[in-house]
Amino acid sequence: MDNGNMEHSEKELAEFVTKYTGNPDFNYDDEEGEEGFMEIFSPHIERVAELNKVDPTKVWTVSDSEFDDGLIIISAGMHFVNRVHYFISNESWTDPEEVYIW
């Protein structure tokens, strides 16, 4: 994400949760309201294998902002840099540049 010249549209978290719902098959902490969140920090190859089977247009990356401003970014697709965890939605994204600010 280029902080100086944002060609894609950034949206707020409220718009994201209105448009996308979490897939309950990916709630590994069994916490209420955490459907869709998939953390892959430990070497659980089973989780990585599951993520690779998911429709890529339903995978979102939740990451720390690269600008050290305390923002959390939700971006379409699977990314690795500054990743906090993945979110698997029931609905597909259509714009690979779709970004939301948390």
PDB file of N, CA and C in Angstrom:
ATOM      1  N   MET A   1       0.843  -1.167   0.000  1.00  0.00           N
ATOM      2  CA  MET A   1       0.000   0.000   0.000  1.00  0.00           C
ATOM      3  C   MET A   1       0.885   1.226   0.000  1.00  0.00           C
ATOM      4  N   ASP A   2       0.683   2.105  -0.892  1.00  0.00           N
ATOM      5  CA  ASP A   2       1.441   3.346  -1.002  1.00  0.00           C
ATOM      6  C   ASP A   2       0.684   4.433  -0.260  1.00  0.00           C
ATOM      7  N   ASN A   3       1.224   4.884   0.863  1.00  0.00           N
ATOM      8  CA  ASN A   3       0.535   5.860   1.684  1.00  0.00           C
ATOM      9  C   ASN A   3       0.421   7.216   0.996  1.00  0.00           C
ATOM     10  N   GLY A   4       1.328   7.531   0.073  1.00  0.00           N
ATOM     11  CA  GLY A   4       1.310   8.828  -0.578  1.00  0.00           C
ATOM     12  C   GLY A   4       0.377   8.911  -1.774  1.00  0.00           C
ATOM     13  N   ASN A   5       0.148   7.814  -2.452  1.00  0.00           N
ATOM     14  CA  ASN A   5      -0.657   7.836  -3.664  1.00  0.00           C
ATOM     15  C   ASN A   5      -1.552   6.599  -3.706  1.00  0.00           C
ATOM     16  N   MET A   6      -2.686   6.666  -3.041  1.00  0.00           N
ATOM     17  CA  MET A   6      -3.571   5.514  -2.952  1.00  0.00           C
ATOM     18  C   MET A   6      -4.525   5.486  -4.132  1.00  0.00           C
ATOM     19  N   GLU A   7      -4.237   4.601  -5.079  1.00  0.00           N
ATOM     20  CA  GLU A   7      -5.083   4.491  -6.254  1.00  0.00           C
ATOM     21  C   GLU A   7      -6.284   3.601  -5.988  1.00  0.00           C
ATOM     22  N   HIS A   8      -6.180   2.712  -5.026  1.00  0.00           N
ATOM     23  CA  HIS A   8      -7.317   1.879  -4.662  1.00  0.00           C
ATOM     24  C   HIS A   8      -8.091   2.588  -3.556  1.00  0.00           C
ATOM     25  N   SER A   9      -9.312   2.195  -3.385  1.00  0.00           N
ATOM     26  CA  SER A   9     -10.115   2.868  -2.365  1.00  0.00           C
ATOM     27  C   SER A   9      -9.981   2.156  -1.037  1.00  0.00           C
ATOM     28  N   GLU A  10      -9.779   2.936   0.004  1.00  0.00           N
ATOM     29  CA  GLU A  10      -9.738   2.393   1.351  1.00  0.00           C
ATOM     30  C   GLU A  10     -11.093   2.605   1.987  1.00  0.00           C
ATOM     31  N   LYS A  11     -11.530   1.615   2.697  1.00  0.00           N
ATOM     32  CA  LYS A  11     -12.837   1.669   3.322  1.00  0.00           C
ATOM     33  C   LYS A  11     -12.676   1.379   4.802  1.00  0.00           C
ATOM     34  N   GLU A  12     -13.669   1.706   5.576  1.00  0.00           N
ATOM     35  CA  GLU A  12     -13.621   1.481   7.007  1.00  0.00           C
ATOM     36  C   GLU A  12     -14.080   0.065   7.343  1.00  0.00           C
ATOM     37  N   LEU A  13     -13.733  -0.402   8.534  1.00  0.00           N
ATOM     38  CA  LEU A  13     -14.083  -1.732   8.997  1.00  0.00           C
ATOM     39  C   LEU A  13     -15.590  -1.959   8.975  1.00  0.00           C
ATOM     40  N   ALA A  14     -16.375  -0.944   9.309  1.00  0.00           N
ATOM     41  CA  ALA A  14     -17.839  -1.088   9.326  1.00  0.00           C
ATOM     42  C   ALA A  14     -18.361  -1.531   7.964  1.00  0.00           C
ATOM     43  N   GLU A  15     -17.773  -1.018   6.902  1.00  0.00           N
ATOM     44  CA  GLU A  15     -18.193  -1.425   5.556  1.00  0.00           C
ATOM     45  C   GLU A  15     -17.792  -2.864   5.273  1.00  0.00           C
ATOM     46  N   PHE A  16     -16.619  -3.259   5.754  1.00  0.00           N
ATOM     47  CA  PHE A  16     -16.153  -4.630   5.556  1.00  0.00           C
ATOM     48  C   PHE A  16     -17.101  -5.629   6.217  1.00  0.00           C
ATOM     49  N   VAL A  17     -17.450  -5.401   7.493  1.00  0.00           N
ATOM     50  CA  VAL A  17     -18.294  -6.366   8.200  1.00  0.00           C
ATOM     51  C   VAL A  17     -19.729  -6.365   7.692  1.00  0.00           C
ATOM     52  N   THR A  18     -20.129  -5.313   6.993  1.00  0.00           N
ATOM     53  CA  THR A  18     -21.448  -5.286   6.363  1.00  0.00           C
ATOM     54  C   THR A  18     -21.443  -6.136   5.085  1.00  0.00           C
ATOM     55  N   LYS A  19     -20.329  -6.114   4.389  1.00  0.00           N
ATOM     56  CA  LYS A  19     -20.220  -6.773   3.090  1.00  0.00           C
ATOM     57  C   LYS A  19     -19.762  -8.237   3.190  1.00  0.00           C
ATOM     58  N   TYR A  20     -18.910  -8.549   4.175  1.00  0.00           N
ATOM     59  CA  TYR A  20     -18.311  -9.872   4.270  1.00  0.00           C
ATOM     60  C   TYR A  20     -18.584 -10.507   5.636  1.00  0.00           C
ATOM     61  N   THR A  21     -18.883 -11.797   5.618  1.00  0.00           N
ATOM     62  CA  THR A  21     -19.077 -12.543   6.859  1.00  0.00           C
ATOM     63  C   THR A  21     -18.012 -13.617   6.961  1.00  0.00           C
ATOM     64  N   GLY A  22     -17.622 -13.913   8.186  1.00  0.00           N
ATOM     65  CA  GLY A  22     -16.593 -14.917   8.415  1.00  0.00           C
ATOM     66  C   GLY A  22     -17.109 -16.330   8.264  1.00  0.00           C
ATOM     67  N   ASN A  23     -16.318 -17.165   7.664  1.00  0.00           N
ATOM     68  CA  ASN A  23     -16.654 -18.574   7.490  1.00  0.00           C
ATOM     69  C   ASN A  23     -16.432 -19.297   8.814  1.00  0.00           C
ATOM     70  N   PRO A  24     -17.484 -19.864   9.422  1.00  0.00           N
ATOM     71  CA  PRO A  24     -17.344 -20.507  10.730  1.00  0.00           C
ATOM     72  C   PRO A  24     -16.453 -21.758  10.720  1.00  0.00           C
ATOM     73  N   ASP A  25     -16.128 -22.283   9.542  1.00  0.00           N
ATOM     74  CA  ASP A  25     -15.211 -23.423   9.475  1.00  0.00           C
ATOM     75  C   ASP A  25     -13.788 -23.028   9.857  1.00  0.00           C
ATOM     76  N   PHE A  26     -13.523 -21.734   9.921  1.00  0.00           N
ATOM     77  CA  PHE A  26     -12.180 -21.242  10.223  1.00  0.00           C
ATOM     78  C   PHE A  26     -12.189 -20.407  11.499  1.00  0.00           C
ATOM     79  N   ASN A  27     -12.627 -20.995  12.579  1.00  0.00           N
ATOM     80  CA  ASN A  27     -12.604 -20.359  13.898  1.00  0.00           C
ATOM     81  C   ASN A  27     -11.833 -21.296  14.809  1.00  0.00           C
ATOM     82  N   TYR A  28     -10.511 -21.185  14.769  1.00  0.00           N
ATOM     83  CA  TYR A  28      -9.674 -22.145  15.478  1.00  0.00           C
ATOM     84  C   TYR A  28      -9.569 -21.887  16.976  1.00  0.00           C
ATOM     85  N   ASP A  29      -9.957 -20.711  17.427  1.00  0.00           N
ATOM     86  CA  ASP A  29      -9.923 -20.426  18.858  1.00  0.00           C
ATOM     87  C   ASP A  29     -11.269 -20.699  19.510  1.00  0.00           C
ATOM     88  N   ASP A  30     -12.284 -21.014  18.700  1.00  0.00           N
ATOM     89  CA  ASP A  30     -13.649 -21.257  19.171  1.00  0.00           C
ATOM     90  C   ASP A  30     -14.195 -20.094  19.990  1.00  0.00           C
ATOM     91  N   GLU A  31     -13.764 -18.876  19.679  1.00  0.00           N
ATOM     92  CA  GLU A  31     -14.270 -17.704  20.366  1.00  0.00           C
ATOM     93  C   GLU A  31     -15.488 -17.173  19.626  1.00  0.00           C
ATOM     94  N   GLU A  32     -16.498 -16.804  20.383  1.00  0.00           N
ATOM     95  CA  GLU A  32     -17.710 -16.267  19.782  1.00  0.00           C
ATOM     96  C   GLU A  32     -17.384 -14.988  19.024  1.00  0.00           C
ATOM     97  N   GLY A  33     -17.906 -14.872  17.808  1.00  0.00           N
ATOM     98  CA  GLY A  33     -17.671 -13.689  16.992  1.00  0.00           C
ATOM     99  C   GLY A  33     -16.363 -13.705  16.235  1.00  0.00           C
ATOM    100  N   GLU A  34     -15.618 -14.787  16.313  1.00  0.00           N
ATOM    101  CA  GLU A  34     -14.317 -14.860  15.641  1.00  0.00           C
ATOM    102  C   GLU A  34     -14.351 -15.750  14.405  1.00  0.00           C
ATOM    103  N   GLU A  35     -15.532 -15.968  13.834  1.00  0.00           N
ATOM    104  CA  GLU A  35     -15.638 -16.817  12.657  1.00  0.00           C
ATOM    105  C   GLU A  35     -14.792 -16.262  11.515  1.00  0.00           C
ATOM    106  N   GLY A  36     -14.050 -17.118  10.902  1.00  0.00           N
ATOM    107  CA  GLY A  36     -13.266 -16.732   9.746  1.00  0.00           C
ATOM    108  C   GLY A  36     -11.818 -16.428  10.043  1.00  0.00           C
ATOM    109  N   PHE A  37     -11.458 -16.227  11.307  1.00  0.00           N
ATOM    110  CA  PHE A  37     -10.074 -15.875  11.610  1.00  0.00           C
ATOM    111  C   PHE A  37      -9.211 -17.125  11.672  1.00  0.00           C
ATOM    112  N   MET A  38      -8.111 -17.099  10.949  1.00  0.00           N
ATOM    113  CA  MET A  38      -7.208 -18.242  10.863  1.00  0.00           C
ATOM    114  C   MET A  38      -5.791 -17.773  11.136  1.00  0.00           C
ATOM    115  N   GLU A  39      -5.268 -18.148  12.299  1.00  0.00           N
ATOM    116  CA  GLU A  39      -3.907 -17.775  12.644  1.00  0.00           C
ATOM    117  C   GLU A  39      -2.964 -18.898  12.243  1.00  0.00           C
ATOM    118  N   ILE A  40      -1.883 -18.518  11.603  1.00  0.00           N
ATOM    119  CA  ILE A  40      -0.892 -19.515  11.182  1.00  0.00           C
ATOM    120  C   ILE A  40       0.484 -19.009  11.599  1.00  0.00           C
ATOM    121  N   PHE A  41       0.730 -19.045  12.909  1.00  0.00           N
ATOM    122  CA  PHE A  41       2.052 -18.653  13.395  1.00  0.00           C
ATOM    123  C   PHE A  41       2.879 -19.870  13.769  1.00  0.00           C
ATOM    124  N   SER A  42       2.226 -20.858  14.328  1.00  0.00           N
ATOM    125  CA  SER A  42       2.950 -22.068  14.711  1.00  0.00           C
ATOM    126  C   SER A  42       3.047 -22.995  13.498  1.00  0.00           C
ATOM    127  N   PRO A  43       3.955 -23.934  13.570  1.00  0.00           N
ATOM    128  CA  PRO A  43       4.180 -24.804  12.401  1.00  0.00           C
ATOM    129  C   PRO A  43       3.119 -25.898  12.240  1.00  0.00           C
ATOM    130  N   HIS A  44       1.865 -25.506  12.136  1.00  0.00           N
ATOM    131  CA  HIS A  44       0.792 -26.467  11.913  1.00  0.00           C
ATOM    132  C   HIS A  44       0.581 -26.614  10.406  1.00  0.00           C
ATOM    133  N   ILE A  45       1.229 -27.588   9.833  1.00  0.00           N
ATOM    134  CA  ILE A  45       1.150 -27.776   8.386  1.00  0.00           C
ATOM    135  C   ILE A  45      -0.273 -28.066   7.951  1.00  0.00           C
ATOM    136  N   GLU A  46      -1.093 -28.625   8.859  1.00  0.00           N
ATOM    137  CA  GLU A  46      -2.483 -28.903   8.519  1.00  0.00           C
ATOM    138  C   GLU A  46      -3.235 -27.609   8.213  1.00  0.00           C
ATOM    139  N   ARG A  47      -2.959 -26.552   8.984  1.00  0.00           N
ATOM    140  CA  ARG A  47      -3.636 -25.267   8.756  1.00  0.00           C
ATOM    141  C   ARG A  47      -3.188 -24.628   7.449  1.00  0.00           C
ATOM    142  N   VAL A  48      -1.918 -24.732   7.171  1.00  0.00           N
ATOM    143  CA  VAL A  48      -1.411 -24.192   5.900  1.00  0.00           C
ATOM    144  C   VAL A  48      -2.050 -24.941   4.742  1.00  0.00           C
ATOM    145  N   ALA A  49      -2.155 -26.260   4.864  1.00  0.00           N
ATOM    146  CA  ALA A  49      -2.777 -27.066   3.808  1.00  0.00           C
ATOM    147  C   ALA A  49      -4.243 -26.685   3.635  1.00  0.00           C
ATOM    148  N   GLU A  50      -4.948 -26.428   4.743  1.00  0.00           N
ATOM    149  CA  GLU A  50      -6.350 -26.010   4.650  1.00  0.00           C
ATOM    150  C   GLU A  50      -6.476 -24.667   3.945  1.00  0.00           C
ATOM    151  N   LEU A  51      -5.606 -23.733   4.289  1.00  0.00           N
ATOM    152  CA  LEU A  51      -5.657 -22.412   3.671  1.00  0.00           C
ATOM    153  C   LEU A  51      -5.427 -22.511   2.169  1.00  0.00           C
ATOM    154  N   ASN A  52      -4.547 -23.383   1.766  1.00  0.00           N
ATOM    155  CA  ASN A  52      -4.261 -23.543   0.335  1.00  0.00           C
ATOM    156  C   ASN A  52      -5.419 -24.150  -0.435  1.00  0.00           C
ATOM    157  N   LYS A  53      -6.381 -24.755   0.253  1.00  0.00           N
ATOM    158  CA  LYS A  53      -7.560 -25.332  -0.399  1.00  0.00           C
ATOM    159  C   LYS A  53      -8.709 -24.343  -0.518  1.00  0.00           C
ATOM    160  N   VAL A  54      -8.608 -23.216   0.178  1.00  0.00           N
ATOM    161  CA  VAL A  54      -9.684 -22.223   0.185  1.00  0.00           C
ATOM    162  C   VAL A  54      -9.673 -21.443  -1.131  1.00  0.00           C
ATOM    163  N   ASP A  55     -10.856 -21.109  -1.605  1.00  0.00           N
ATOM    164  CA  ASP A  55     -10.983 -20.247  -2.781  1.00  0.00           C
ATOM    165  C   ASP A  55     -10.193 -18.972  -2.509  1.00  0.00           C
ATOM    166  N   PRO A  56      -9.174 -18.647  -3.304  1.00  0.00           N
ATOM    167  CA  PRO A  56      -8.328 -17.483  -3.030  1.00  0.00           C
ATOM    168  C   PRO A  56      -9.087 -16.161  -2.986  1.00  0.00           C
ATOM    169  N   THR A  57     -10.265 -16.093  -3.610  1.00  0.00           N
ATOM    170  CA  THR A  57     -11.034 -14.845  -3.567  1.00  0.00           C
ATOM    171  C   THR A  57     -11.841 -14.711  -2.277  1.00  0.00           C
ATOM    172  N   LYS A  58     -11.655 -15.648  -1.363  1.00  0.00           N
ATOM    173  CA  LYS A  58     -12.311 -15.567  -0.053  1.00  0.00           C
ATOM    174  C   LYS A  58     -11.291 -15.397   1.068  1.00  0.00           C
ATOM    175  N   VAL A  59     -10.025 -15.247   0.701  1.00  0.00           N
ATOM    176  CA  VAL A  59      -8.954 -15.081   1.683  1.00  0.00           C
ATOM    177  C   VAL A  59      -8.596 -13.603   1.782  1.00  0.00           C
ATOM    178  N   TRP A  60      -8.486 -13.128   3.016  1.00  0.00           N
ATOM    179  CA  TRP A  60      -8.093 -11.755   3.333  1.00  0.00           C
ATOM    180  C   TRP A  60      -6.895 -11.810   4.263  1.00  0.00           C
ATOM    181  N   THR A  61      -6.010 -10.849   4.144  1.00  0.00           N
ATOM    182  CA  THR A  61      -4.881 -10.763   5.061  1.00  0.00           C
ATOM    183  C   THR A  61      -5.096  -9.579   5.989  1.00  0.00           C
ATOM    184  N   VAL A  62      -5.001  -9.860   7.269  1.00  0.00           N
ATOM    185  CA  VAL A  62      -5.066  -8.815   8.289  1.00  0.00           C
ATOM    186  C   VAL A  62      -3.624  -8.539   8.675  1.00  0.00           C
ATOM    187  N   SER A  63      -3.181  -7.292   8.497  1.00  0.00           N
ATOM    188  CA  SER A  63      -1.772  -6.976   8.730  1.00  0.00           C
ATOM    189  C   SER A  63      -1.610  -5.634   9.427  1.00  0.00           C
ATOM    190  N   ASP A  64      -0.445  -5.475  10.045  1.00  0.00           N
ATOM    191  CA  ASP A  64      -0.083  -4.192  10.631  1.00  0.00           C
ATOM    192  C   ASP A  64       0.262  -3.235   9.502  1.00  0.00           C
ATOM    193  N   SER A  65      -0.046  -1.970   9.706  1.00  0.00           N
ATOM    194  CA  SER A  65       0.320  -0.961   8.718  1.00  0.00           C
ATOM    195  C   SER A  65       1.838  -0.874   8.626  1.00  0.00           C
ATOM    196  N   GLU A  66       2.339  -0.718   7.438  1.00  0.00           N
ATOM    197  CA  GLU A  66       3.785  -0.594   7.236  1.00  0.00           C
ATOM    198  C   GLU A  66       4.322   0.752   7.696  1.00  0.00           C
ATOM    199  N   PHE A  67       3.437   1.666   8.087  1.00  0.00           N
ATOM    200  CA  PHE A  67       3.866   3.010   8.452  1.00  0.00           C
ATOM    201  C   PHE A  67       3.938   3.231   9.949  1.00  0.00           C
ATOM    202  N   ASP A  68       3.837   2.163  10.756  1.00  0.00           N
ATOM    203  CA  ASP A  68       3.967   2.236  12.204  1.00  0.00           C
ATOM    204  C   ASP A  68       3.037   3.285  12.798  1.00  0.00           C
ATOM    205  N   ASP A  69       1.802   3.319  12.289  1.00  0.00           N
ATOM    206  CA  ASP A  69       0.825   4.295  12.767  1.00  0.00           C
ATOM    207  C   ASP A  69      -0.268   3.646  13.601  1.00  0.00           C
ATOM    208  N   GLY A  70      -0.087   2.352  13.928  1.00  0.00           N
ATOM    209  CA  GLY A  70      -1.042   1.651  14.762  1.00  0.00           C
ATOM    210  C   GLY A  70      -2.275   1.145  14.037  1.00  0.00           C
ATOM    211  N   LEU A  71      -2.352   1.365  12.748  1.00  0.00           N
ATOM    212  CA  LEU A  71      -3.513   0.909  11.988  1.00  0.00           C
ATOM    213  C   LEU A  71      -3.388  -0.563  11.635  1.00  0.00           C
ATOM    214  N   ILE A  72      -4.527  -1.213  11.537  1.00  0.00           N
ATOM    215  CA  ILE A  72      -4.598  -2.584  11.053  1.00  0.00           C
ATOM    216  C   ILE A  72      -5.267  -2.524   9.682  1.00  0.00           C
ATOM    217  N   ILE A  73      -4.707  -3.230   8.732  1.00  0.00           N
ATOM    218  CA  ILE A  73      -5.170  -3.221   7.359  1.00  0.00           C
ATOM    219  C   ILE A  73      -5.755  -4.595   7.025  1.00  0.00           C
ATOM    220  N   ILE A  74      -6.908  -4.609   6.371  1.00  0.00           N
ATOM    221  CA  ILE A  74      -7.490  -5.846   5.854  1.00  0.00           C
ATOM    222  C   ILE A  74      -7.439  -5.727   4.341  1.00  0.00           C
ATOM    223  N   SER A  75      -6.683  -6.612   3.702  1.00  0.00           N
ATOM    224  CA  SER A  75      -6.532  -6.526   2.250  1.00  0.00           C
ATOM    225  C   SER A  75      -6.890  -7.848   1.588  1.00  0.00           C
ATOM    226  N   ALA A  76      -7.463  -7.734   0.403  1.00  0.00           N
ATOM    227  CA  ALA A  76      -7.880  -8.903  -0.359  1.00  0.00           C
ATOM    228  C   ALA A  76      -6.671  -9.748  -0.727  1.00  0.00           C
ATOM    229  N   GLY A  77      -6.811 -11.064  -0.586  1.00  0.00           N
ATOM    230  CA  GLY A  77      -5.761 -11.978  -0.995  1.00  0.00           C
ATOM    231  C   GLY A  77      -4.858 -12.413   0.147  1.00  0.00           C
ATOM    232  N   MET A  78      -3.930 -13.293  -0.184  1.00  0.00           N
ATOM    233  CA  MET A  78      -2.982 -13.819   0.786  1.00  0.00           C
ATOM    234  C   MET A  78      -1.660 -13.069   0.649  1.00  0.00           C
ATOM    235  N   HIS A  79      -1.266 -12.401   1.728  1.00  0.00           N
ATOM    236  CA  HIS A  79      -0.008 -11.651   1.759  1.00  0.00           C
ATOM    237  C   HIS A  79       0.791 -12.136   2.955  1.00  0.00           C
ATOM    238  N   PHE A  80       2.073 -11.855   2.984  1.00  0.00           N
ATOM    239  CA  PHE A  80       2.918 -12.376   4.044  1.00  0.00           C
ATOM    240  C   PHE A  80       3.560 -11.291   4.897  1.00  0.00           C
ATOM    241  N   VAL A  81       3.899 -10.153   4.324  1.00  0.00           N
ATOM    242  CA  VAL A  81       4.600  -9.098   5.049  1.00  0.00           C
ATOM    243  C   VAL A  81       3.650  -8.417   6.038  1.00  0.00           C
ATOM    244  N   ASN A  82       4.098  -8.277   7.281  1.00  0.00           N
ATOM    245  CA  ASN A  82       3.344  -7.634   8.367  1.00  0.00           C
ATOM    246  C   ASN A  82       2.044  -8.360   8.703  1.00  0.00           C
ATOM    247  N   ARG A  83       1.904  -9.602   8.289  1.00  0.00           N
ATOM    248  CA  ARG A  83       0.678 -10.367   8.512  1.00  0.00           C
ATOM    249  C   ARG A  83       0.464 -10.623   9.991  1.00  0.00           C
ATOM    250  N   VAL A  84      -0.786 -10.394  10.433  1.00  0.00           N
ATOM    251  CA  VAL A  84      -1.200 -10.756  11.781  1.00  0.00           C
ATOM    252  C   VAL A  84      -1.910 -12.106  11.710  1.00  0.00           C
ATOM    253  N   HIS A  85      -2.860 -12.231  10.803  1.00  0.00           N
ATOM    254  CA  HIS A  85      -3.544 -13.492  10.543  1.00  0.00           C
ATOM    255  C   HIS A  85      -4.357 -13.366   9.256  1.00  0.00           C
ATOM    256  N   TYR A  86      -5.013 -14.438   8.907  1.00  0.00           N
ATOM    257  CA  TYR A  86      -5.869 -14.449   7.725  1.00  0.00           C
ATOM    258  C   TYR A  86      -7.327 -14.444   8.157  1.00  0.00           C
ATOM    259  N   PHE A  87      -8.175 -13.956   7.275  1.00  0.00           N
ATOM    260  CA  PHE A  87      -9.618 -13.983   7.483  1.00  0.00           C
ATOM    261  C   PHE A  87     -10.221 -14.659   6.268  1.00  0.00           C
ATOM    262  N   ILE A  88     -11.061 -15.665   6.499  1.00  0.00           N
ATOM    263  CA  ILE A  88     -11.711 -16.374   5.400  1.00  0.00           C
ATOM    264  C   ILE A  88     -13.180 -15.975   5.406  1.00  0.00           C
ATOM    265  N   SER A  89     -13.631 -15.374   4.318  1.00  0.00           N
ATOM    266  CA  SER A  89     -15.014 -14.905   4.234  1.00  0.00           C
ATOM    267  C   SER A  89     -15.883 -15.908   3.479  1.00  0.00           C
ATOM    268  N   ASN A  90     -17.170 -15.787   3.682  1.00  0.00           N
ATOM    269  CA  ASN A  90     -18.126 -16.593   2.914  1.00  0.00           C
ATOM    270  C   ASN A  90     -18.311 -16.018   1.516  1.00  0.00           C
ATOM    271  N   GLU A  91     -18.107 -14.726   1.380  1.00  0.00           N
ATOM    272  CA  GLU A  91     -18.300 -14.023   0.113  1.00  0.00           C
ATOM    273  C   GLU A  91     -16.946 -13.783  -0.563  1.00  0.00           C
ATOM    274  N   SER A  92     -16.936 -13.819  -1.868  1.00  0.00           N
ATOM    275  CA  SER A  92     -15.707 -13.559  -2.633  1.00  0.00           C
ATOM    276  C   SER A  92     -15.498 -12.074  -2.842  1.00  0.00           C
ATOM    277  N   TRP A  93     -14.225 -11.658  -2.823  1.00  0.00           N
ATOM    278  CA  TRP A  93     -13.911 -10.290  -3.218  1.00  0.00           C
ATOM    279  C   TRP A  93     -13.747 -10.283  -4.737  1.00  0.00           C
ATOM    280  N   THR A  94     -13.981  -9.126  -5.352  1.00  0.00           N
ATOM    281  CA  THR A  94     -13.850  -9.018  -6.804  1.00  0.00           C
ATOM    282  C   THR A  94     -12.706  -8.096  -7.218  1.00  0.00           C
ATOM    283  N   ASP A  95     -12.255  -7.264  -6.306  1.00  0.00           N
ATOM    284  CA  ASP A  95     -11.181  -6.322  -6.595  1.00  0.00           C
ATOM    285  C   ASP A  95      -9.950  -6.699  -5.787  1.00  0.00           C
ATOM    286  N   PRO A  96      -8.871  -7.165  -6.430  1.00  0.00           N
ATOM    287  CA  PRO A  96      -7.678  -7.575  -5.688  1.00  0.00           C
ATOM    288  C   PRO A  96      -6.990  -6.415  -4.954  1.00  0.00           C
ATOM    289  N   GLU A  97      -7.391  -5.196  -5.230  1.00  0.00           N
ATOM    290  CA  GLU A  97      -6.830  -4.023  -4.558  1.00  0.00           C
ATOM    291  C   GLU A  97      -7.722  -3.530  -3.409  1.00  0.00           C
ATOM    292  N   GLU A  98      -8.755  -4.296  -3.071  1.00  0.00           N
ATOM    293  CA  GLU A  98      -9.680  -3.895  -2.025  1.00  0.00           C
ATOM    294  C   GLU A  98      -8.977  -3.889  -0.660  1.00  0.00           C
ATOM    295  N   VAL A  99      -9.107  -2.759   0.050  1.00  0.00           N
ATOM    296  CA  VAL A  99      -8.413  -2.564   1.336  1.00  0.00           C
ATOM    297  C   VAL A  99      -9.363  -1.902   2.309  1.00  0.00           C
ATOM    298  N   TYR A 100      -9.309  -2.355   3.561  1.00  0.00           N
ATOM    299  CA  TYR A 100     -10.113  -1.755   4.622  1.00  0.00           C
ATOM    300  C   TYR A 100      -9.210  -1.382   5.784  1.00  0.00           C
ATOM    301  N   ILE A 101      -9.568  -0.319   6.474  1.00  0.00           N
ATOM    302  CA  ILE A 101      -8.818   0.150   7.632  1.00  0.00           C
ATOM    303  C   ILE A 101      -9.561  -0.263   8.887  1.00  0.00           C
ATOM    304  N   TRP A 102      -8.864  -0.895   9.813  1.00  0.00           N
ATOM    305  CA  TRP A 102      -9.472  -1.348  11.060  1.00  0.00           C
ATOM    306  C   TRP A 102      -9.102  -0.371  12.141  1.00  0.00           C
TER     307      TRP A 102
END
